[in-house]
Amino acid sequence: MTAEVKEFLKHLADERQLSPNTVKAYAKDLAELEKFLADYLGRASWGWSDEDIDRLALRAFLGWCGRRGLSKRSAARKLAAARTFFRFLHAEERIESSPGRAVRGPKLDKRLPGHLSRGDVEEVFAGAERGAAENTLAGTRTLVILELLYGSGLRLSELHGLDVGMIDERTRQVRVLGKGRKERIVPVTEAAVTAIGRYEPRRSEVADRTAGALLVNARGGRLSRRSIQEAVRSSFEAAAGARGLSAHALRHSFATHLMEGGADLLAVKELLGHVSLSTTQVYTHTTKERLLRVYRDAHPRSR
């Protein structure tokens, strides 16, 4: 790894405060770019200057990604990592201009995010309620997980990082740290507050009642992301339409059902913690698909 890439990764971690997983993803993508460039340029000694790397080199990198069988989405992500890196070099006055600006990424097919129907959600929560009724740490905790992922639209990483003091049960709000450690306040449902109330006695048996992680394991430590995912997957077995989906599907369902209920796109954007409105707009496609299905099924002249 070149010194410039190391400096860039340090910038992402220290100044932009991106998550360790995000920094690792950048490191992996840029390592592959370095590997390609060493072969493409055909010499051991090269640099990130405009003389060595231009838009043709980046276009060739995209072709290399395609020949390796990578999907368009993966290739687009690697190009985005390269563009961000070159913008950093340009801002640091290491290069005169960024070659990534002149390279068009692969055209991606619009893909609707996986989500649950309202009926599937009811089945999932019915199963979780039965589990919570057993009054065990795992059962009551799983219901809290589902209520916060679906009821508040949290990311898995945001839920994993929640501490007890970040939830205000009186005002029914939760303070979360999103991508780039950006803080936002999100509403909490009454059902979630009730679920937390049922979970707290079981949690206090293994951990400090007033401090530390909200979700804890049997030893009192913070519950791992993998364990959260497994709890959600097990709950999804209760609904046929939910099987095979990830924990992130609950966040997609949160946004989809808000949009279907007539929620304002900007409001959904803020609730999700998206930086760009274009990221949120994928849920408008979900709503349009549903309206089209309703039209085709209900209107006598639609066929």
C-alpha atoms as a PDB file:
ATOM      1  CA  MET A   1       0.000   0.000   0.000  1.00  0.00           C
ATOM      2  CA  THR A   2       1.411   3.381  -1.012  1.00  0.00           C
ATOM      3  CA  ALA A   3       1.980   6.193   1.469  1.00  0.00           C
ATOM      4  CA  GLU A   4      -0.736   8.286  -0.187  1.00  0.00           C
ATOM      5  CA  VAL A   5      -3.353   5.576   0.327  1.00  0.00           C
ATOM      6  CA  LYS A   6      -2.309   5.159   3.969  1.00  0.00           C
ATOM      7  CA  GLU A   7      -2.707   8.907   4.519  1.00  0.00           C
ATOM      8  CA  PHE A   8      -6.107   8.824   2.841  1.00  0.00           C
ATOM      9  CA  LEU A   9      -7.331   5.956   5.042  1.00  0.00           C
ATOM     10  CA  LYS A  10      -6.102   7.811   8.131  1.00  0.00           C
ATOM     11  CA  HIS A  11      -8.030  10.873   6.925  1.00  0.00           C
ATOM     12  CA  LEU A  12     -11.205   8.776   6.586  1.00  0.00           C
ATOM     13  CA  ALA A  13     -10.830   7.302  10.068  1.00  0.00           C
ATOM     14  CA  ASP A  14      -9.623  10.363  12.013  1.00  0.00           C
ATOM     15  CA  GLU A  15     -11.101  13.391  10.266  1.00  0.00           C
ATOM     16  CA  ARG A  16     -14.226  12.043   8.568  1.00  0.00           C
ATOM     17  CA  GLN A  17     -14.730   9.512  11.380  1.00  0.00           C
ATOM     18  CA  LEU A  18     -16.039   6.803   9.091  1.00  0.00           C
ATOM     19  CA  SER A  19     -16.701   3.406  10.627  1.00  0.00           C
ATOM     20  CA  PRO A  20     -13.884   0.812  10.698  1.00  0.00           C
ATOM     21  CA  ASN A  21     -15.842  -1.371   8.263  1.00  0.00           C
ATOM     22  CA  THR A  22     -16.159   1.499   5.778  1.00  0.00           C
ATOM     23  CA  VAL A  23     -12.437   2.273   6.022  1.00  0.00           C
ATOM     24  CA  LYS A  24     -11.655  -1.416   5.438  1.00  0.00           C
ATOM     25  CA  ALA A  25     -13.852  -1.390   2.335  1.00  0.00           C
ATOM     26  CA  TYR A  26     -11.964   1.632   0.955  1.00  0.00           C
ATOM     27  CA  ALA A  27      -8.656  -0.091   1.740  1.00  0.00           C
ATOM     28  CA  LYS A  28      -9.701  -3.230  -0.121  1.00  0.00           C
ATOM     29  CA  ASP A  29     -10.935  -1.330  -3.192  1.00  0.00           C
ATOM     30  CA  LEU A  30      -7.814   0.841  -3.410  1.00  0.00           C
ATOM     31  CA  ALA A  31      -5.547  -2.181  -2.925  1.00  0.00           C
ATOM     32  CA  GLU A  32      -7.161  -3.747  -5.989  1.00  0.00           C
ATOM     33  CA  LEU A  33      -6.708  -0.500  -7.904  1.00  0.00           C
ATOM     34  CA  GLU A  34      -3.014  -0.483  -6.982  1.00  0.00           C
ATOM     35  CA  LYS A  35      -2.664  -4.100  -8.089  1.00  0.00           C
ATOM     36  CA  PHE A  36      -4.269  -3.328 -11.441  1.00  0.00           C
ATOM     37  CA  LEU A  37      -2.185  -0.208 -12.054  1.00  0.00           C
ATOM     38  CA  ALA A  38       1.086  -2.051 -11.406  1.00  0.00           C
ATOM     39  CA  ASP A  39       0.218  -4.441 -14.256  1.00  0.00           C
ATOM     40  CA  TYR A  40      -1.396  -1.806 -16.469  1.00  0.00           C
ATOM     41  CA  LEU A  41       1.519   0.622 -16.307  1.00  0.00           C
ATOM     42  CA  GLY A  42       4.042  -2.207 -16.696  1.00  0.00           C
ATOM     43  CA  ARG A  43       6.642  -0.841 -14.313  1.00  0.00           C
ATOM     44  CA  ALA A  44       7.460  -1.137 -10.640  1.00  0.00           C
ATOM     45  CA  SER A  45       7.953   2.582 -10.083  1.00  0.00           C
ATOM     46  CA  TRP A  46       4.902   4.765 -10.598  1.00  0.00           C
ATOM     47  CA  GLY A  47       2.951   7.427  -8.737  1.00  0.00           C
ATOM     48  CA  TRP A  48      -0.510   8.926  -8.482  1.00  0.00           C
ATOM     49  CA  SER A  49       0.445  11.911 -10.637  1.00  0.00           C
ATOM     50  CA  ASP A  50      -1.451  13.015 -13.741  1.00  0.00           C
ATOM     51  CA  GLU A  51       1.429  11.771 -15.899  1.00  0.00           C
ATOM     52  CA  ASP A  52       0.959   8.180 -14.733  1.00  0.00           C
ATOM     53  CA  ILE A  53      -2.800   7.922 -14.194  1.00  0.00           C
ATOM     54  CA  ASP A  54      -5.499   9.400 -16.392  1.00  0.00           C
ATOM     55  CA  ARG A  55      -9.133   8.679 -17.214  1.00  0.00           C
ATOM     56  CA  LEU A  56      -8.065   5.945 -19.675  1.00  0.00           C
ATOM     57  CA  ALA A  57      -6.353   4.096 -16.833  1.00  0.00           C
ATOM     58  CA  LEU A  58      -9.523   4.250 -14.729  1.00  0.00           C
ATOM     59  CA  ARG A  59     -11.667   3.123 -17.650  1.00  0.00           C
ATOM     60  CA  ALA A  60      -9.296   0.195 -18.109  1.00  0.00           C
ATOM     61  CA  PHE A  61      -9.694  -0.550 -14.386  1.00  0.00           C
ATOM     62  CA  LEU A  62     -13.466  -0.813 -14.869  1.00  0.00           C
ATOM     63  CA  GLY A  63     -12.900  -3.208 -17.764  1.00  0.00           C
ATOM     64  CA  TRP A  64     -10.566  -5.264 -15.582  1.00  0.00           C
ATOM     65  CA  CYS A  65     -13.270  -5.466 -12.906  1.00  0.00           C
ATOM     66  CA  GLY A  66     -15.753  -6.702 -15.506  1.00  0.00           C
ATOM     67  CA  ARG A  67     -13.403  -9.376 -16.823  1.00  0.00           C
ATOM     68  CA  ARG A  68     -12.992 -10.669 -13.290  1.00  0.00           C
ATOM     69  CA  GLY A  69     -16.738 -11.246 -13.134  1.00  0.00           C
ATOM     70  CA  LEU A  70     -17.572  -8.440 -10.712  1.00  0.00           C
ATOM     71  CA  SER A  71     -21.087  -7.059 -10.828  1.00  0.00           C
ATOM     72  CA  LYS A  72     -21.775  -3.566 -12.140  1.00  0.00           C
ATOM     73  CA  ARG A  73     -22.606  -2.493  -8.592  1.00  0.00           C
ATOM     74  CA  SER A  74     -19.254  -3.724  -7.258  1.00  0.00           C
ATOM     75  CA  ALA A  75     -17.359  -2.031 -10.091  1.00  0.00           C
ATOM     76  CA  ALA A  76     -19.265   1.207  -9.460  1.00  0.00           C
ATOM     77  CA  ARG A  77     -18.336   1.050  -5.778  1.00  0.00           C
ATOM     78  CA  LYS A  78     -14.646   0.624  -6.623  1.00  0.00           C
ATOM     79  CA  LEU A  79     -14.790   3.570  -9.021  1.00  0.00           C
ATOM     80  CA  ALA A  80     -16.460   5.659  -6.310  1.00  0.00           C
ATOM     81  CA  ALA A  81     -13.632   4.762  -3.902  1.00  0.00           C
ATOM     82  CA  ALA A  82     -11.063   5.803  -6.511  1.00  0.00           C
ATOM     83  CA  ARG A  83     -12.863   9.097  -7.163  1.00  0.00           C
ATOM     84  CA  THR A  84     -12.957   9.913  -3.447  1.00  0.00           C
ATOM     85  CA  PHE A  85      -9.250   9.118  -3.164  1.00  0.00           C
ATOM     86  CA  PHE A  86      -8.340  11.343  -6.135  1.00  0.00           C
ATOM     87  CA  ARG A  87     -10.455  14.183  -4.732  1.00  0.00           C
ATOM     88  CA  PHE A  88      -8.421  13.878  -1.543  1.00  0.00           C
ATOM     89  CA  LEU A  89      -5.141  14.031  -3.475  1.00  0.00           C
ATOM     90  CA  HIS A  90      -6.396  17.058  -5.405  1.00  0.00           C
ATOM     91  CA  ALA A  91      -7.479  18.849  -2.225  1.00  0.00           C
ATOM     92  CA  GLU A  92      -4.045  18.127  -0.748  1.00  0.00           C
ATOM     93  CA  GLU A  93      -2.473  19.554  -3.937  1.00  0.00           C
ATOM     94  CA  ARG A  94      -0.758  16.252  -4.710  1.00  0.00           C
ATOM     95  CA  ILE A  95      -2.268  16.174  -8.223  1.00  0.00           C
ATOM     96  CA  GLU A  96      -3.438  18.948 -10.554  1.00  0.00           C
ATOM     97  CA  SER A  97      -6.831  17.438 -11.339  1.00  0.00           C
ATOM     98  CA  SER A  98      -8.888  14.368 -10.522  1.00  0.00           C
ATOM     99  CA  PRO A  99      -9.059  11.835 -13.397  1.00  0.00           C
ATOM    100  CA  GLY A 100     -12.154  10.245 -11.866  1.00  0.00           C
ATOM    101  CA  ARG A 101     -14.377  13.167 -12.851  1.00  0.00           C
ATOM    102  CA  ALA A 102     -14.142  12.274 -16.532  1.00  0.00           C
ATOM    103  CA  VAL A 103     -14.970   8.586 -16.097  1.00  0.00           C
ATOM    104  CA  ARG A 104     -18.574   7.488 -16.316  1.00  0.00           C
ATOM    105  CA  GLY A 105     -19.487   4.571 -14.078  1.00  0.00           C
ATOM    106  CA  PRO A 106     -21.436   1.509 -15.236  1.00  0.00           C
ATOM    107  CA  LYS A 107     -25.163   2.061 -15.585  1.00  0.00           C
ATOM    108  CA  LEU A 108     -26.883   0.303 -12.716  1.00  0.00           C
ATOM    109  CA  ASP A 109     -30.274  -1.304 -12.881  1.00  0.00           C
ATOM    110  CA  LYS A 110     -32.641   0.186 -10.332  1.00  0.00           C
ATOM    111  CA  ARG A 111     -33.061  -2.480  -7.683  1.00  0.00           C
ATOM    112  CA  LEU A 112     -35.859  -2.274  -5.171  1.00  0.00           C
ATOM    113  CA  PRO A 113     -34.655  -3.050  -1.649  1.00  0.00           C
ATOM    114  CA  GLY A 114     -35.926  -6.229  -0.031  1.00  0.00           C
ATOM    115  CA  HIS A 115     -38.706  -5.504   2.425  1.00  0.00           C
ATOM    116  CA  LEU A 116     -41.564  -7.168   4.248  1.00  0.00           C
ATOM    117  CA  SER A 117     -45.244  -6.778   3.501  1.00  0.00           C
ATOM    118  CA  ARG A 118     -47.463  -5.477   6.277  1.00  0.00           C
ATOM    119  CA  GLY A 119     -48.809  -9.001   6.719  1.00  0.00           C
ATOM    120  CA  ASP A 120     -45.281 -10.403   7.068  1.00  0.00           C
ATOM    121  CA  VAL A 121     -44.482  -7.754   9.682  1.00  0.00           C
ATOM    122  CA  GLU A 122     -47.529  -8.783  11.709  1.00  0.00           C
ATOM    123  CA  GLU A 123     -46.464 -12.440  11.587  1.00  0.00           C
ATOM    124  CA  VAL A 124     -42.880 -11.608  12.597  1.00  0.00           C
ATOM    125  CA  PHE A 125     -44.009  -9.521  15.572  1.00  0.00           C
ATOM    126  CA  ALA A 126     -46.618 -12.086  16.638  1.00  0.00           C
ATOM    127  CA  GLY A 127     -43.835 -14.667  16.903  1.00  0.00           C
ATOM    128  CA  ALA A 128     -41.567 -12.224  18.749  1.00  0.00           C
ATOM    129  CA  GLU A 129     -44.352 -11.392  21.209  1.00  0.00           C
ATOM    130  CA  ARG A 130     -44.760 -15.077  22.003  1.00  0.00           C
ATOM    131  CA  GLY A 131     -41.024 -15.321  22.598  1.00  0.00           C
ATOM    132  CA  ALA A 132     -41.013 -12.254  24.856  1.00  0.00           C
ATOM    133  CA  ALA A 133     -43.887 -13.705  26.867  1.00  0.00           C
ATOM    134  CA  GLU A 134     -41.487 -16.404  28.091  1.00  0.00           C
ATOM    135  CA  ASN A 135     -39.714 -13.563  29.958  1.00  0.00           C
ATOM    136  CA  THR A 136     -36.155 -14.636  29.080  1.00  0.00           C
ATOM    137  CA  LEU A 137     -33.251 -12.332  28.277  1.00  0.00           C
ATOM    138  CA  ALA A 138     -33.117 -13.556  24.660  1.00  0.00           C
ATOM    139  CA  GLY A 139     -36.867 -13.400  24.100  1.00  0.00           C
ATOM    140  CA  THR A 140     -37.428  -9.914  25.499  1.00  0.00           C
ATOM    141  CA  ARG A 141     -34.260  -8.656  23.809  1.00  0.00           C
ATOM    142  CA  THR A 142     -35.324  -9.911  20.372  1.00  0.00           C
ATOM    143  CA  LEU A 143     -38.579  -7.976  20.609  1.00  0.00           C
ATOM    144  CA  VAL A 144     -36.607  -4.793  21.424  1.00  0.00           C
ATOM    145  CA  ILE A 145     -34.373  -5.410  18.411  1.00  0.00           C
ATOM    146  CA  LEU A 146     -37.338  -5.753  16.058  1.00  0.00           C
ATOM    147  CA  GLU A 147     -39.190  -2.756  17.490  1.00  0.00           C
ATOM    148  CA  LEU A 148     -36.201  -0.431  17.039  1.00  0.00           C
ATOM    149  CA  LEU A 149     -35.185  -1.671  13.587  1.00  0.00           C
ATOM    150  CA  TYR A 150     -38.726  -1.504  12.189  1.00  0.00           C
ATOM    151  CA  GLY A 151     -40.341   1.122  14.426  1.00  0.00           C
ATOM    152  CA  SER A 152     -37.496   3.653  14.199  1.00  0.00           C
ATOM    153  CA  GLY A 153     -35.744   2.584  10.984  1.00  0.00           C
ATOM    154  CA  LEU A 154     -32.325   2.205  12.603  1.00  0.00           C
ATOM    155  CA  ARG A 155     -29.338   0.768  10.797  1.00  0.00           C
ATOM    156  CA  LEU A 156     -27.869  -2.393  12.265  1.00  0.00           C
ATOM    157  CA  SER A 157     -24.702  -0.484  13.228  1.00  0.00           C
ATOM    158  CA  GLU A 158     -26.782   2.214  14.935  1.00  0.00           C
ATOM    159  CA  LEU A 159     -28.725  -0.332  16.961  1.00  0.00           C
ATOM    160  CA  HIS A 160     -25.525  -2.158  17.878  1.00  0.00           C
ATOM    161  CA  GLY A 161     -24.011   1.074  19.213  1.00  0.00           C
ATOM    162  CA  LEU A 162     -26.996   2.149  21.316  1.00  0.00           C
ATOM    163  CA  ASP A 163     -26.372   2.786  25.000  1.00  0.00           C
ATOM    164  CA  VAL A 164     -29.046   2.924  27.686  1.00  0.00           C
ATOM    165  CA  GLY A 165     -28.707   6.699  28.111  1.00  0.00           C
ATOM    166  CA  MET A 166     -29.410   7.360  24.431  1.00  0.00           C
ATOM    167  CA  ILE A 167     -33.094   6.458  24.792  1.00  0.00           C
ATOM    168  CA  ASP A 168     -35.510   8.930  26.388  1.00  0.00           C
ATOM    169  CA  GLU A 169     -38.565   6.871  27.243  1.00  0.00           C
ATOM    170  CA  ARG A 170     -40.463   9.946  28.483  1.00  0.00           C
ATOM    171  CA  THR A 171     -40.262  11.827  25.175  1.00  0.00           C
ATOM    172  CA  ARG A 172     -40.115   8.580  23.177  1.00  0.00           C
ATOM    173  CA  GLN A 173     -36.980   9.534  21.285  1.00  0.00           C
ATOM    174  CA  VAL A 174     -33.617   7.914  20.680  1.00  0.00           C
ATOM    175  CA  ARG A 175     -30.310   9.596  19.884  1.00  0.00           C
ATOM    176  CA  VAL A 176     -28.321   7.610  17.338  1.00  0.00           C
ATOM    177  CA  LEU A 177     -24.906   7.974  15.736  1.00  0.00           C
ATOM    178  CA  GLY A 178     -25.206   7.317  12.010  1.00  0.00           C
ATOM    179  CA  LYS A 179     -22.667   7.126   9.208  1.00  0.00           C
ATOM    180  CA  GLY A 180     -19.726   9.456   9.714  1.00  0.00           C
ATOM    181  CA  ARG A 181     -20.754   9.621  13.401  1.00  0.00           C
ATOM    182  CA  LYS A 182     -23.495  12.081  12.507  1.00  0.00           C
ATOM    183  CA  GLU A 183     -26.007  12.362  15.298  1.00  0.00           C
ATOM    184  CA  ARG A 184     -29.765  12.468  14.788  1.00  0.00           C
ATOM    185  CA  ILE A 185     -32.865  12.155  16.942  1.00  0.00           C
ATOM    186  CA  VAL A 186     -35.398   9.511  15.915  1.00  0.00           C
ATOM    187  CA  PRO A 187     -38.878   8.841  17.349  1.00  0.00           C
ATOM    188  CA  VAL A 188     -39.475   5.627  19.269  1.00  0.00           C
ATOM    189  CA  THR A 189     -42.827   3.860  19.149  1.00  0.00           C
ATOM    190  CA  GLU A 190     -44.901   3.225  22.244  1.00  0.00           C
ATOM    191  CA  ALA A 191     -44.578  -0.491  21.476  1.00  0.00           C
ATOM    192  CA  ALA A 192     -40.777  -0.154  21.588  1.00  0.00           C
ATOM    193  CA  VAL A 193     -40.915   1.612  24.970  1.00  0.00           C
ATOM    194  CA  THR A 194     -43.127  -1.193  26.290  1.00  0.00           C
ATOM    195  CA  ALA A 195     -40.715  -3.825  24.913  1.00  0.00           C
ATOM    196  CA  ILE A 196     -37.744  -2.075  26.570  1.00  0.00           C
ATOM    197  CA  GLY A 197     -39.666  -2.022  29.851  1.00  0.00           C
ATOM    198  CA  ARG A 198     -40.151  -5.797  29.660  1.00  0.00           C
ATOM    199  CA  TYR A 199     -36.500  -6.312  28.731  1.00  0.00           C
ATOM    200  CA  GLU A 200     -34.912  -4.081  31.408  1.00  0.00           C
ATOM    201  CA  PRO A 201     -35.406  -6.492  34.370  1.00  0.00           C
ATOM    202  CA  ARG A 202     -33.753  -9.324  32.428  1.00  0.00           C
ATOM    203  CA  ARG A 203     -30.942  -7.009  31.307  1.00  0.00           C
ATOM    204  CA  SER A 204     -30.314  -5.763  34.859  1.00  0.00           C
ATOM    205  CA  GLU A 205     -29.691  -9.354  35.963  1.00  0.00           C
ATOM    206  CA  VAL A 206     -26.493  -9.473  33.875  1.00  0.00           C
ATOM    207  CA  ALA A 207     -25.462  -5.816  33.384  1.00  0.00           C
ATOM    208  CA  ASP A 208     -25.503  -2.356  34.957  1.00  0.00           C
ATOM    209  CA  ARG A 209     -29.106  -1.178  34.835  1.00  0.00           C
ATOM    210  CA  THR A 210     -28.364   2.502  34.139  1.00  0.00           C
ATOM    211  CA  ALA A 211     -25.233   2.464  31.957  1.00  0.00           C
ATOM    212  CA  GLY A 212     -23.530   0.714  29.090  1.00  0.00           C
ATOM    213  CA  ALA A 213     -24.912  -1.022  26.044  1.00  0.00           C
ATOM    214  CA  LEU A 214     -28.672  -1.351  25.628  1.00  0.00           C
ATOM    215  CA  LEU A 215     -28.415  -4.801  24.042  1.00  0.00           C
ATOM    216  CA  VAL A 216     -26.296  -7.179  26.107  1.00  0.00           C
ATOM    217  CA  ASN A 217     -25.407 -10.855  25.980  1.00  0.00           C
ATOM    218  CA  ALA A 218     -25.671 -13.367  28.817  1.00  0.00           C
ATOM    219  CA  ARG A 219     -22.304 -12.182  30.210  1.00  0.00           C
ATOM    220  CA  GLY A 220     -23.357  -8.533  30.308  1.00  0.00           C
ATOM    221  CA  GLY A 221     -21.218  -7.443  27.360  1.00  0.00           C
ATOM    222  CA  ARG A 222     -22.480  -5.609  24.286  1.00  0.00           C
ATOM    223  CA  LEU A 223     -24.394  -7.936  21.989  1.00  0.00           C
ATOM    224  CA  SER A 224     -22.491  -8.534  18.747  1.00  0.00           C
ATOM    225  CA  ARG A 225     -23.801  -7.528  15.339  1.00  0.00           C
ATOM    226  CA  ARG A 226     -23.817 -11.160  14.301  1.00  0.00           C
ATOM    227  CA  SER A 227     -26.035 -12.052  17.264  1.00  0.00           C
ATOM    228  CA  ILE A 228     -28.442  -9.239  16.352  1.00  0.00           C
ATOM    229  CA  GLN A 229     -28.602 -10.538  12.786  1.00  0.00           C
ATOM    230  CA  GLU A 230     -29.228 -14.082  13.999  1.00  0.00           C
ATOM    231  CA  ALA A 231     -32.046 -12.925  16.280  1.00  0.00           C
ATOM    232  CA  VAL A 232     -33.715 -11.194  13.334  1.00  0.00           C
ATOM    233  CA  ARG A 233     -33.243 -14.149  10.986  1.00  0.00           C
ATOM    234  CA  SER A 234     -34.773 -16.507  13.542  1.00  0.00           C
ATOM    235  CA  SER A 235     -37.753 -14.178  13.888  1.00  0.00           C
ATOM    236  CA  PHE A 236     -38.149 -14.059  10.104  1.00  0.00           C
ATOM    237  CA  GLU A 237     -38.783 -17.811  10.086  1.00  0.00           C
ATOM    238  CA  ALA A 238     -42.259 -17.007  11.427  1.00  0.00           C
ATOM    239  CA  ALA A 239     -43.253 -15.388   8.125  1.00  0.00           C
ATOM    240  CA  ALA A 240     -42.805 -17.083   4.759  1.00  0.00           C
ATOM    241  CA  GLY A 241     -42.376 -13.749   2.946  1.00  0.00           C
ATOM    242  CA  ALA A 242     -39.589 -12.694   5.306  1.00  0.00           C
ATOM    243  CA  ARG A 243     -37.397 -15.783   5.018  1.00  0.00           C
ATOM    244  CA  GLY A 244     -34.059 -15.190   3.378  1.00  0.00           C
ATOM    245  CA  LEU A 245     -34.080 -11.441   4.080  1.00  0.00           C
ATOM    246  CA  SER A 246     -31.482  -9.681   6.217  1.00  0.00           C
ATOM    247  CA  ALA A 247     -31.932  -7.488   9.272  1.00  0.00           C
ATOM    248  CA  HIS A 248     -31.629  -4.464   6.980  1.00  0.00           C
ATOM    249  CA  ALA A 249     -34.975  -5.433   5.436  1.00  0.00           C
ATOM    250  CA  LEU A 250     -36.690  -4.024   8.534  1.00  0.00           C
ATOM    251  CA  ARG A 251     -35.219  -0.588   7.841  1.00  0.00           C
ATOM    252  CA  HIS A 252     -36.353  -0.876   4.216  1.00  0.00           C
ATOM    253  CA  SER A 253     -39.807  -1.910   5.433  1.00  0.00           C
ATOM    254  CA  PHE A 254     -39.914   1.102   7.775  1.00  0.00           C
ATOM    255  CA  ALA A 255     -39.262   3.477   4.861  1.00  0.00           C
ATOM    256  CA  THR A 256     -41.501   1.639   2.389  1.00  0.00           C
ATOM    257  CA  HIS A 257     -44.499   1.579   4.709  1.00  0.00           C
ATOM    258  CA  LEU A 258     -44.044   5.262   5.548  1.00  0.00           C
ATOM    259  CA  MET A 259     -44.045   6.112   1.842  1.00  0.00           C
ATOM    260  CA  GLU A 260     -47.063   3.909   1.182  1.00  0.00           C
ATOM    261  CA  GLY A 261     -48.844   5.704   4.005  1.00  0.00           C
ATOM    262  CA  GLY A 262     -48.267   9.070   2.326  1.00  0.00           C
ATOM    263  CA  ALA A 263     -45.236  10.305   4.297  1.00  0.00           C
ATOM    264  CA  ASP A 264     -43.267  13.215   2.854  1.00  0.00           C
ATOM    265  CA  LEU A 265     -40.062  12.161   1.090  1.00  0.00           C
ATOM    266  CA  LEU A 266     -37.966  14.784   2.895  1.00  0.00           C
ATOM    267  CA  ALA A 267     -39.290  13.621   6.256  1.00  0.00           C
ATOM    268  CA  VAL A 268     -38.379  10.008   5.437  1.00  0.00           C
ATOM    269  CA  LYS A 269     -34.911  11.188   4.370  1.00  0.00           C
ATOM    270  CA  GLU A 270     -34.343  12.829   7.767  1.00  0.00           C
ATOM    271  CA  LEU A 271     -35.675   9.847   9.687  1.00  0.00           C
ATOM    272  CA  LEU A 272     -33.338   7.495   7.800  1.00  0.00           C
ATOM    273  CA  GLY A 273     -30.352   9.821   8.185  1.00  0.00           C
ATOM    274  CA  HIS A 274     -29.627   9.940   4.460  1.00  0.00           C
ATOM    275  CA  VAL A 275     -27.273  12.668   3.252  1.00  0.00           C
ATOM    276  CA  SER A 276     -28.694  12.778  -0.268  1.00  0.00           C
ATOM    277  CA  LEU A 277     -32.359  12.801  -1.252  1.00  0.00           C
ATOM    278  CA  SER A 278     -31.525  10.566  -4.217  1.00  0.00           C
ATOM    279  CA  THR A 279     -30.717   7.756  -1.768  1.00  0.00           C
ATOM    280  CA  THR A 280     -34.212   7.984  -0.313  1.00  0.00           C
ATOM    281  CA  GLN A 281     -35.932   8.204  -3.689  1.00  0.00           C
ATOM    282  CA  VAL A 282     -35.562   4.449  -4.266  1.00  0.00           C
ATOM    283  CA  TYR A 283     -38.564   4.043  -1.965  1.00  0.00           C
ATOM    284  CA  THR A 284     -40.725   6.071  -4.337  1.00  0.00           C
ATOM    285  CA  HIS A 285     -40.130   3.331  -6.921  1.00  0.00           C
ATOM    286  CA  THR A 286     -41.357   0.781  -4.406  1.00  0.00           C
ATOM    287  CA  THR A 287     -44.539   2.781  -3.928  1.00  0.00           C
ATOM    288  CA  LYS A 288     -45.063   3.171  -7.681  1.00  0.00           C
ATOM    289  CA  GLU A 289     -44.689  -0.576  -8.168  1.00  0.00           C
ATOM    290  CA  ARG A 290     -47.361  -1.176  -5.531  1.00  0.00           C
ATOM    291  CA  LEU A 291     -49.733   1.353  -7.131  1.00  0.00           C
ATOM    292  CA  LEU A 292     -49.227  -0.261 -10.524  1.00  0.00           C
ATOM    293  CA  ARG A 293     -50.066  -3.685  -9.099  1.00  0.00           C
ATOM    294  CA  VAL A 294     -53.204  -2.301  -7.459  1.00  0.00           C
ATOM    295  CA  TYR A 295     -54.239  -0.668 -10.746  1.00  0.00           C
ATOM    296  CA  ARG A 296     -53.691  -3.829 -12.784  1.00  0.00           C
ATOM    297  CA  ASP A 297     -55.584  -5.974 -10.294  1.00  0.00           C
ATOM    298  CA  ALA A 298     -58.489  -3.613  -9.693  1.00  0.00           C
ATOM    299  CA  HIS A 299     -59.236  -1.679 -12.875  1.00  0.00           C
ATOM    300  CA  PRO A 300     -61.388  -3.530 -15.455  1.00  0.00           C
ATOM    301  CA  ARG A 301     -59.647  -1.877 -18.439  1.00  0.00           C
ATOM    302  CA  SER A 302     -56.068  -2.294 -17.171  1.00  0.00           C
ATOM    303  CA  ARG A 303     -55.375  -5.624 -18.890  1.00  0.00           C
END
